[in-house]
N, C-alpha and C. Protein backbone atom coordinates (compact mmCIF):
# COMPACT_ATOMS: atom_id res chain seq x y z
N MET A 1 174.73 79.83 164.71
CA MET A 1 175.97 80.53 164.91
C MET A 1 175.70 82.03 164.78
N ALA A 2 176.12 82.79 165.77
CA ALA A 2 175.91 84.23 165.81
C ALA A 2 176.84 84.93 164.83
N ARG A 3 176.31 85.97 164.19
CA ARG A 3 177.13 86.75 163.27
C ARG A 3 178.05 87.66 164.05
N GLN A 4 179.22 87.91 163.47
CA GLN A 4 180.20 88.83 164.06
C GLN A 4 179.79 90.26 163.71
N ALA A 5 179.77 91.14 164.69
CA ALA A 5 179.42 92.54 164.45
C ALA A 5 180.53 93.22 163.66
N ILE A 6 180.15 94.06 162.72
CA ILE A 6 181.13 94.84 161.95
C ILE A 6 181.62 95.98 162.84
N ASP A 7 182.92 96.13 162.92
CA ASP A 7 183.52 97.17 163.77
C ASP A 7 183.40 98.53 163.06
N LEU A 8 182.68 99.45 163.68
CA LEU A 8 182.47 100.77 163.11
C LEU A 8 183.37 101.84 163.75
N THR A 9 184.20 101.42 164.70
CA THR A 9 185.04 102.36 165.42
C THR A 9 185.86 103.21 164.47
N GLY A 10 185.83 104.55 164.71
CA GLY A 10 186.62 105.48 163.91
C GLY A 10 185.94 105.96 162.64
N GLN A 11 184.83 105.32 162.26
CA GLN A 11 184.16 105.71 161.02
C GLN A 11 183.36 107.00 161.22
N LYS A 12 183.26 107.76 160.15
CA LYS A 12 182.47 108.98 160.12
C LYS A 12 181.20 108.65 159.33
N ILE A 13 180.04 108.74 159.98
CA ILE A 13 178.76 108.40 159.36
C ILE A 13 177.83 109.58 159.59
N GLY A 14 177.48 110.27 158.53
CA GLY A 14 176.70 111.49 158.67
C GLY A 14 177.54 112.50 159.45
N TYR A 15 176.98 113.03 160.51
CA TYR A 15 177.72 113.96 161.38
C TYR A 15 178.29 113.25 162.60
N TRP A 16 178.06 111.93 162.69
CA TRP A 16 178.57 111.13 163.80
C TRP A 16 179.98 110.64 163.51
N THR A 17 180.80 110.61 164.55
CA THR A 17 182.07 109.90 164.52
C THR A 17 181.93 108.78 165.55
N VAL A 18 182.14 107.53 165.13
CA VAL A 18 181.97 106.38 166.02
C VAL A 18 183.20 106.27 166.90
N LEU A 19 182.99 106.33 168.22
CA LEU A 19 184.10 106.30 169.18
C LEU A 19 184.43 104.89 169.62
N GLN A 20 183.41 104.13 170.00
CA GLN A 20 183.64 102.77 170.50
C GLN A 20 182.33 102.01 170.54
N ARG A 21 182.45 100.71 170.70
CA ARG A 21 181.26 99.90 170.82
C ARG A 21 180.61 100.16 172.17
N GLY A 22 179.28 100.26 172.12
CA GLY A 22 178.53 100.51 173.35
C GLY A 22 177.87 99.24 173.84
N GLN A 23 176.72 99.38 174.42
CA GLN A 23 176.00 98.25 174.99
C GLN A 23 175.34 97.40 173.91
N THR A 24 175.08 96.15 174.31
CA THR A 24 174.27 95.26 173.49
C THR A 24 172.96 95.11 174.24
N ARG A 25 171.85 95.37 173.56
CA ARG A 25 170.55 95.34 174.23
C ARG A 25 169.60 94.41 173.47
N ARG A 26 168.74 93.80 174.22
CA ARG A 26 167.73 92.94 173.63
C ARG A 26 166.46 93.79 173.51
N GLY A 27 165.93 93.87 172.27
CA GLY A 27 164.73 94.65 172.02
C GLY A 27 163.48 93.90 172.41
N GLY A 28 162.33 94.56 172.29
CA GLY A 28 161.05 93.96 172.64
C GLY A 28 160.70 92.76 171.79
N THR A 29 161.27 92.67 170.59
CA THR A 29 160.98 91.55 169.70
C THR A 29 161.92 90.38 169.93
N GLY A 30 162.85 90.54 170.88
CA GLY A 30 163.80 89.48 171.17
C GLY A 30 165.09 89.59 170.40
N HIS A 31 165.17 90.51 169.44
CA HIS A 31 166.39 90.69 168.67
C HIS A 31 167.44 91.44 169.49
N THR A 32 168.69 91.07 169.27
CA THR A 32 169.79 91.75 169.94
C THR A 32 170.22 92.94 169.09
N ARG A 33 170.39 94.08 169.75
CA ARG A 33 170.82 95.29 169.04
C ARG A 33 172.13 95.77 169.63
N ILE A 34 173.06 96.07 168.74
CA ILE A 34 174.36 96.60 169.15
C ILE A 34 174.32 98.11 169.01
N PHE A 35 174.80 98.81 170.05
CA PHE A 35 174.86 100.26 170.04
C PHE A 35 176.32 100.70 169.98
N TRP A 36 176.55 101.87 169.41
CA TRP A 36 177.89 102.43 169.30
C TRP A 36 177.90 103.81 169.95
N ARG A 37 178.92 104.06 170.73
CA ARG A 37 179.12 105.38 171.34
C ARG A 37 179.63 106.30 170.23
N CYS A 38 178.88 107.37 169.95
CA CYS A 38 179.21 108.27 168.85
C CYS A 38 179.29 109.71 169.35
N ARG A 39 180.07 110.52 168.65
CA ARG A 39 180.16 111.95 168.94
C ARG A 39 179.71 112.71 167.69
N CYS A 40 178.75 113.58 167.88
CA CYS A 40 178.26 114.44 166.79
C CYS A 40 179.27 115.56 166.57
N ASP A 41 179.26 116.16 165.39
CA ASP A 41 180.16 117.27 165.10
C ASP A 41 180.00 118.42 166.09
N CYS A 42 178.81 118.55 166.70
CA CYS A 42 178.58 119.63 167.66
C CYS A 42 179.16 119.29 169.04
N GLY A 43 179.61 118.04 169.24
CA GLY A 43 180.21 117.64 170.50
C GLY A 43 179.34 116.73 171.35
N THR A 44 178.09 116.59 171.03
CA THR A 44 177.18 115.73 171.78
C THR A 44 177.55 114.27 171.59
N GLU A 45 177.57 113.51 172.68
CA GLU A 45 177.83 112.07 172.60
C GLU A 45 176.55 111.31 172.90
N LYS A 46 176.37 110.19 172.18
CA LYS A 46 175.15 109.41 172.33
C LYS A 46 175.41 108.00 171.81
N GLU A 47 174.65 107.03 172.34
CA GLU A 47 174.72 105.67 171.80
C GLU A 47 173.69 105.54 170.70
N VAL A 48 174.15 105.07 169.53
CA VAL A 48 173.32 104.96 168.35
C VAL A 48 173.32 103.51 167.90
N PRO A 49 172.14 102.94 167.56
CA PRO A 49 172.09 101.54 167.12
C PRO A 49 172.90 101.31 165.84
N SER A 50 173.56 100.18 165.78
CA SER A 50 174.38 99.80 164.64
C SER A 50 173.58 99.85 163.35
N GLN A 51 172.37 99.33 163.37
CA GLN A 51 171.54 99.26 162.17
C GLN A 51 171.27 100.66 161.62
N VAL A 52 171.05 101.62 162.49
CA VAL A 52 170.79 102.99 162.07
C VAL A 52 172.03 103.57 161.39
N LEU A 53 173.20 103.32 161.94
CA LEU A 53 174.44 103.83 161.37
C LEU A 53 174.77 103.16 160.04
N ARG A 54 174.64 101.84 159.99
CA ARG A 54 175.06 101.09 158.81
C ARG A 54 174.16 101.27 157.61
N HIS A 55 172.88 101.50 157.85
CA HIS A 55 171.95 101.58 156.73
C HIS A 55 171.57 103.01 156.38
N HIS A 56 172.20 103.96 157.02
CA HIS A 56 172.05 105.39 156.70
C HIS A 56 170.61 105.87 156.70
N TYR A 57 169.83 105.39 157.64
CA TYR A 57 168.50 105.96 157.81
C TYR A 57 168.35 106.29 159.28
N GLY A 58 167.48 107.19 159.57
CA GLY A 58 167.32 107.59 160.96
C GLY A 58 168.35 108.63 161.35
N SER A 59 169.09 108.35 162.39
CA SER A 59 169.98 109.33 162.99
C SER A 59 171.23 109.60 162.16
N LYS A 60 171.36 110.83 161.70
CA LYS A 60 172.57 111.26 161.00
C LYS A 60 173.34 112.26 161.88
N SER A 61 172.65 112.76 162.92
CA SER A 61 173.26 113.66 163.89
C SER A 61 172.43 113.57 165.17
N CYS A 62 172.85 114.32 166.19
CA CYS A 62 172.12 114.30 167.45
C CYS A 62 170.81 115.08 167.36
N GLY A 63 170.59 115.75 166.27
CA GLY A 63 169.40 116.57 166.09
C GLY A 63 169.77 118.01 165.79
N CYS A 64 171.01 118.39 166.13
CA CYS A 64 171.44 119.76 165.89
C CYS A 64 171.46 120.09 164.40
N LYS A 65 171.78 119.13 163.57
CA LYS A 65 171.88 119.37 162.13
C LYS A 65 170.51 119.34 161.46
N THR A 66 169.54 118.68 162.08
CA THR A 66 168.21 118.63 161.49
C THR A 66 167.62 120.02 161.41
N ALA A 67 167.67 120.77 162.52
CA ALA A 67 167.15 122.13 162.53
C ALA A 67 167.89 122.99 161.53
N GLU A 68 169.20 122.83 161.46
CA GLU A 68 170.03 123.60 160.53
C GLU A 68 169.65 123.29 159.08
N MET A 69 169.46 121.98 158.78
CA MET A 69 169.13 121.60 157.41
C MET A 69 167.74 122.07 157.02
N ILE A 70 166.79 122.02 157.95
CA ILE A 70 165.45 122.51 157.67
C ILE A 70 165.51 124.01 157.41
N GLY A 71 166.27 124.71 158.22
CA GLY A 71 166.44 126.14 158.03
C GLY A 71 167.04 126.46 156.68
N ASP A 72 168.09 125.73 156.29
CA ASP A 72 168.74 125.95 154.99
C ASP A 72 167.78 125.68 153.84
N ALA A 73 166.99 124.62 153.98
CA ALA A 73 166.06 124.28 152.91
C ALA A 73 164.95 125.31 152.78
N ASN A 74 164.57 125.93 153.89
CA ASN A 74 163.47 126.88 153.87
C ASN A 74 163.90 128.33 153.69
N THR A 75 165.16 128.61 153.81
CA THR A 75 165.62 129.99 153.69
C THR A 75 165.75 130.37 152.24
N THR A 76 165.19 131.54 151.90
CA THR A 76 165.29 132.00 150.53
C THR A 76 166.47 132.95 150.41
N HIS A 77 166.41 134.09 151.04
CA HIS A 77 167.47 135.09 150.92
C HIS A 77 167.91 135.59 152.27
N GLY A 78 167.54 134.88 153.32
CA GLY A 78 167.95 135.25 154.66
C GLY A 78 167.02 136.24 155.34
N HIS A 79 165.98 136.70 154.65
CA HIS A 79 165.08 137.68 155.24
C HIS A 79 163.71 137.12 155.55
N THR A 80 163.42 135.94 155.08
CA THR A 80 162.16 135.28 155.38
C THR A 80 162.34 133.80 155.12
N ARG A 81 161.30 133.04 155.36
CA ARG A 81 161.35 131.61 155.13
C ARG A 81 160.26 131.21 154.16
N LYS A 82 160.55 130.19 153.35
CA LYS A 82 159.50 129.62 152.52
C LYS A 82 158.57 128.89 153.47
N SER A 83 157.35 129.18 153.45
CA SER A 83 156.38 128.53 154.31
C SER A 83 155.23 129.48 154.52
N THR A 84 154.40 129.14 155.46
CA THR A 84 153.33 130.03 155.84
C THR A 84 153.93 131.14 156.69
N GLY A 85 153.14 131.98 157.23
CA GLY A 85 153.64 133.10 158.02
C GLY A 85 154.12 132.71 159.40
N MET A 86 154.48 131.46 159.59
CA MET A 86 154.90 130.99 160.91
C MET A 86 156.25 131.56 161.31
N PHE A 87 157.08 131.93 160.35
CA PHE A 87 158.41 132.40 160.67
C PHE A 87 158.46 133.91 160.53
N PRO A 88 159.17 134.57 161.41
CA PRO A 88 159.22 136.02 161.32
C PRO A 88 159.93 136.48 160.04
N LYS A 89 159.48 137.61 159.56
CA LYS A 89 160.11 138.22 158.40
C LYS A 89 161.01 139.33 158.90
N SER A 90 162.05 139.66 158.17
CA SER A 90 162.92 140.76 158.57
C SER A 90 162.18 142.07 158.33
N PRO A 91 162.58 143.15 159.00
CA PRO A 91 161.96 144.45 158.76
C PRO A 91 162.09 144.87 157.29
N THR A 92 163.21 144.55 156.67
CA THR A 92 163.41 144.91 155.26
C THR A 92 162.39 144.18 154.38
N TYR A 93 162.23 142.88 154.61
CA TYR A 93 161.27 142.12 153.82
C TYR A 93 159.85 142.59 154.08
N SER A 94 159.53 142.90 155.33
CA SER A 94 158.19 143.39 155.66
C SER A 94 157.89 144.69 154.92
N SER A 95 158.88 145.58 154.84
CA SER A 95 158.70 146.85 154.11
C SER A 95 158.46 146.59 152.64
N TRP A 96 159.25 145.70 152.05
CA TRP A 96 159.09 145.37 150.63
C TRP A 96 157.71 144.76 150.38
N LEU A 97 157.31 143.81 151.22
CA LEU A 97 156.04 143.14 151.03
C LEU A 97 154.87 144.11 151.18
N SER A 98 154.94 145.01 152.15
CA SER A 98 153.89 146.01 152.32
C SER A 98 153.79 146.91 151.10
N MET A 99 154.94 147.36 150.59
CA MET A 99 154.98 148.18 149.38
C MET A 99 154.30 147.44 148.23
N TRP A 100 154.70 146.20 148.04
CA TRP A 100 154.18 145.39 146.94
C TRP A 100 152.66 145.21 147.05
N GLU A 101 152.18 144.88 148.24
CA GLU A 101 150.75 144.64 148.42
C GLU A 101 149.93 145.91 148.27
N ARG A 102 150.43 147.06 148.75
CA ARG A 102 149.70 148.33 148.61
C ARG A 102 149.51 148.71 147.15
N CYS A 103 150.48 148.34 146.33
CA CYS A 103 150.44 148.75 144.92
C CYS A 103 149.80 147.73 143.99
N THR A 104 149.69 146.50 144.39
CA THR A 104 149.24 145.46 143.45
C THR A 104 147.99 144.70 143.84
N TYR A 105 147.58 144.74 145.10
CA TYR A 105 146.41 143.96 145.53
C TYR A 105 145.23 144.86 145.83
N PRO A 106 144.22 144.87 144.96
CA PRO A 106 143.04 145.71 145.19
C PRO A 106 142.34 145.43 146.52
N ASP A 107 142.50 144.24 147.08
CA ASP A 107 141.88 143.91 148.36
C ASP A 107 142.63 144.50 149.55
N ASN A 108 143.84 145.01 149.33
CA ASN A 108 144.61 145.62 150.41
C ASN A 108 143.92 146.92 150.82
N PRO A 109 143.71 147.14 152.12
CA PRO A 109 143.02 148.36 152.57
C PRO A 109 143.68 149.66 152.11
N SER A 110 144.97 149.67 151.85
CA SER A 110 145.68 150.88 151.43
C SER A 110 145.79 151.01 149.91
N TYR A 111 145.27 150.04 149.19
CA TYR A 111 145.41 150.04 147.73
C TYR A 111 144.90 151.34 147.11
N LYS A 112 143.78 151.87 147.61
CA LYS A 112 143.19 153.08 147.02
C LYS A 112 144.14 154.27 147.08
N HIS A 113 145.04 154.28 148.05
CA HIS A 113 146.00 155.38 148.19
C HIS A 113 147.29 155.15 147.41
N TYR A 114 147.47 153.96 146.88
CA TYR A 114 148.71 153.61 146.17
C TYR A 114 148.38 153.09 144.77
N GLY A 115 148.19 151.79 144.65
CA GLY A 115 147.90 151.20 143.34
C GLY A 115 146.68 151.82 142.69
N GLY A 116 145.68 152.16 143.47
CA GLY A 116 144.47 152.77 142.96
C GLY A 116 144.70 154.17 142.40
N ARG A 117 145.77 154.83 142.82
CA ARG A 117 146.13 156.16 142.30
C ARG A 117 147.13 156.05 141.16
N GLY A 118 147.52 154.81 140.82
CA GLY A 118 148.46 154.63 139.72
C GLY A 118 149.90 154.49 140.17
N ILE A 119 150.15 154.42 141.49
CA ILE A 119 151.52 154.22 142.00
C ILE A 119 151.90 152.76 141.73
N THR A 120 153.07 152.55 141.12
CA THR A 120 153.52 151.20 140.78
C THR A 120 154.88 150.92 141.41
N VAL A 121 155.25 149.66 141.37
CA VAL A 121 156.57 149.21 141.80
C VAL A 121 157.37 148.97 140.52
N CYS A 122 158.59 149.51 140.44
CA CYS A 122 159.39 149.32 139.24
C CYS A 122 159.63 147.84 138.96
N GLU A 123 159.88 147.53 137.71
CA GLU A 123 160.06 146.14 137.27
C GLU A 123 161.12 145.41 138.08
N GLU A 124 162.26 146.06 138.35
CA GLU A 124 163.36 145.41 139.07
C GLU A 124 162.96 145.01 140.48
N TRP A 125 162.15 145.84 141.13
CA TRP A 125 161.80 145.60 142.52
C TRP A 125 160.68 144.58 142.69
N ARG A 126 160.25 143.97 141.62
CA ARG A 126 159.27 142.89 141.77
C ARG A 126 159.92 141.67 142.41
N GLU A 127 161.24 141.63 142.38
CA GLU A 127 162.02 140.59 143.07
C GLU A 127 162.65 141.22 144.29
N PHE A 128 162.43 140.61 145.44
CA PHE A 128 162.95 141.16 146.69
C PHE A 128 164.46 141.35 146.66
N GLU A 129 165.17 140.41 146.06
CA GLU A 129 166.63 140.48 146.03
C GLU A 129 167.12 141.77 145.37
N ASN A 130 166.43 142.23 144.33
CA ASN A 130 166.80 143.48 143.65
C ASN A 130 166.52 144.68 144.53
N PHE A 131 165.39 144.65 145.21
CA PHE A 131 165.05 145.73 146.16
C PHE A 131 166.13 145.81 147.25
N LEU A 132 166.51 144.66 147.78
CA LEU A 132 167.53 144.59 148.83
C LEU A 132 168.87 145.13 148.33
N ALA A 133 169.24 144.78 147.11
CA ALA A 133 170.51 145.25 146.55
C ALA A 133 170.51 146.77 146.40
N ASP A 134 169.38 147.36 146.02
CA ASP A 134 169.29 148.80 145.84
C ASP A 134 169.18 149.57 147.15
N MET A 135 168.36 149.06 148.07
CA MET A 135 168.05 149.81 149.29
C MET A 135 168.88 149.38 150.50
N GLY A 136 169.40 148.17 150.48
CA GLY A 136 170.12 147.65 151.64
C GLY A 136 169.15 147.29 152.75
N ASP A 137 169.69 146.82 153.87
CA ASP A 137 168.85 146.46 155.02
C ASP A 137 168.20 147.71 155.60
N ARG A 138 166.98 147.55 156.06
CA ARG A 138 166.27 148.67 156.66
C ARG A 138 166.94 149.04 157.98
N PRO A 139 167.36 150.29 158.13
CA PRO A 139 167.96 150.72 159.40
C PRO A 139 166.90 150.74 160.51
N ALA A 140 167.35 150.62 161.74
CA ALA A 140 166.43 150.65 162.89
C ALA A 140 165.68 151.97 162.91
N HIS A 141 164.42 151.90 163.27
CA HIS A 141 163.57 153.07 163.43
C HIS A 141 163.37 153.85 162.14
N ARG A 142 163.42 153.17 161.01
CA ARG A 142 163.20 153.81 159.70
C ARG A 142 162.18 152.99 158.92
N THR A 143 161.51 153.65 158.00
CA THR A 143 160.56 152.98 157.13
C THR A 143 160.78 153.45 155.70
N LEU A 144 160.19 152.73 154.75
CA LEU A 144 160.33 153.05 153.34
C LEU A 144 159.49 154.28 153.01
N ASP A 145 160.09 155.23 152.33
CA ASP A 145 159.44 156.50 152.01
C ASP A 145 159.74 156.86 150.56
N ARG A 146 158.74 157.46 149.87
CA ARG A 146 158.95 157.98 148.53
C ARG A 146 159.18 159.48 148.63
N ARG A 147 160.23 159.98 148.02
CA ARG A 147 160.53 161.42 148.04
C ARG A 147 159.38 162.20 147.41
N ASP A 148 158.92 161.73 146.25
CA ASP A 148 157.78 162.32 145.57
C ASP A 148 156.59 161.39 145.79
N ASN A 149 155.60 161.87 146.57
CA ASN A 149 154.46 161.03 146.91
C ASN A 149 153.59 160.63 145.72
N ASN A 150 153.75 161.31 144.61
CA ASN A 150 153.01 160.94 143.41
C ASN A 150 153.85 160.06 142.49
N GLY A 151 155.11 159.82 142.88
CA GLY A 151 156.01 158.99 142.07
C GLY A 151 155.91 157.52 142.43
N ASN A 152 156.51 156.71 141.62
CA ASN A 152 156.48 155.26 141.82
C ASN A 152 157.55 154.81 142.80
N TYR A 153 157.44 153.55 143.19
CA TYR A 153 158.47 152.94 144.02
C TYR A 153 159.61 152.51 143.10
N GLU A 154 160.71 153.24 143.16
CA GLU A 154 161.92 152.94 142.39
C GLU A 154 163.10 153.55 143.12
N ARG A 155 164.28 153.09 142.80
CA ARG A 155 165.49 153.48 143.53
C ARG A 155 165.65 155.00 143.64
N SER A 156 165.44 155.71 142.55
CA SER A 156 165.67 157.16 142.56
C SER A 156 164.62 157.92 143.37
N ASN A 157 163.52 157.28 143.74
CA ASN A 157 162.45 157.98 144.45
C ASN A 157 162.24 157.47 145.88
N CYS A 158 163.06 156.51 146.33
CA CYS A 158 162.83 155.91 147.65
C CYS A 158 164.02 156.08 148.58
N ARG A 159 163.73 156.05 149.86
CA ARG A 159 164.75 156.17 150.90
C ARG A 159 164.19 155.55 152.18
N TRP A 160 165.09 155.30 153.13
CA TRP A 160 164.69 154.86 154.47
C TRP A 160 164.57 156.13 155.30
N SER A 161 163.38 156.43 155.82
CA SER A 161 163.13 157.68 156.53
C SER A 161 162.74 157.46 157.98
N THR A 162 163.01 158.48 158.78
CA THR A 162 162.58 158.48 160.18
C THR A 162 161.08 158.80 160.22
N PRO A 163 160.41 158.54 161.33
CA PRO A 163 158.99 158.91 161.42
C PRO A 163 158.75 160.41 161.19
N LYS A 164 159.67 161.25 161.65
CA LYS A 164 159.52 162.70 161.45
C LYS A 164 159.63 163.05 159.96
N GLU A 165 160.60 162.44 159.26
CA GLU A 165 160.73 162.68 157.82
C GLU A 165 159.48 162.22 157.08
N GLN A 166 158.95 161.07 157.50
CA GLN A 166 157.72 160.56 156.89
C GLN A 166 156.57 161.54 157.10
N ALA A 167 156.42 162.02 158.33
CA ALA A 167 155.32 162.95 158.65
C ALA A 167 155.43 164.24 157.84
N ASN A 168 156.63 164.71 157.60
CA ASN A 168 156.83 165.95 156.84
C ASN A 168 156.67 165.74 155.34
N ASN A 169 156.55 164.49 154.90
CA ASN A 169 156.51 164.19 153.48
C ASN A 169 155.14 163.66 153.05
N ARG A 170 154.11 163.94 153.81
CA ARG A 170 152.76 163.44 153.45
C ARG A 170 152.12 164.34 152.42
N ARG A 171 151.28 163.72 151.60
CA ARG A 171 150.53 164.54 150.64
C ARG A 171 149.38 165.22 151.36
N LYS A 172 148.95 166.28 150.81
CA LYS A 172 147.86 167.06 151.42
C LYS A 172 146.55 166.28 151.31
N ARG A 173 145.83 166.21 152.40
CA ARG A 173 144.51 165.53 152.44
C ARG A 173 143.43 166.57 152.23
N LYS A 174 142.34 166.18 151.58
CA LYS A 174 141.22 167.10 151.36
C LYS A 174 140.35 167.17 152.59
């Protein structure tokens, strides 16, 4: 005696809303599979197997939410992603990271001009979020500049400068 299929019409499962019963298909193993016509929250319609819907594994959306959820899980503060360098960094984050590396990593090619001369990053700016709160987003065509080239990286000594302002603010070379 065949089992009666459970009616899923109208149910909300994950991001799917079940609209109506779809086709019944026989799989390669001979088992009969019932499909349901579903609409994702984004508007995409697709037939989804009953077993996938009922047991909450596999398809929870048409795929639109997967990318969103991966992004949410990997996003730290909206300026970069947790991961390798595969994802682009914002200009603001790139400026902060360059500042940090110049002052703290002896292997950085610019270290001798920054950390090697005793230039440091203030305690608060060791966290990107604090740097962002103090400096805001980097404006277009501007870079991080220290007013006093012998001073440290801290709020009172830093600004976003144009290339011309940067050029006029260089220390004298021997």
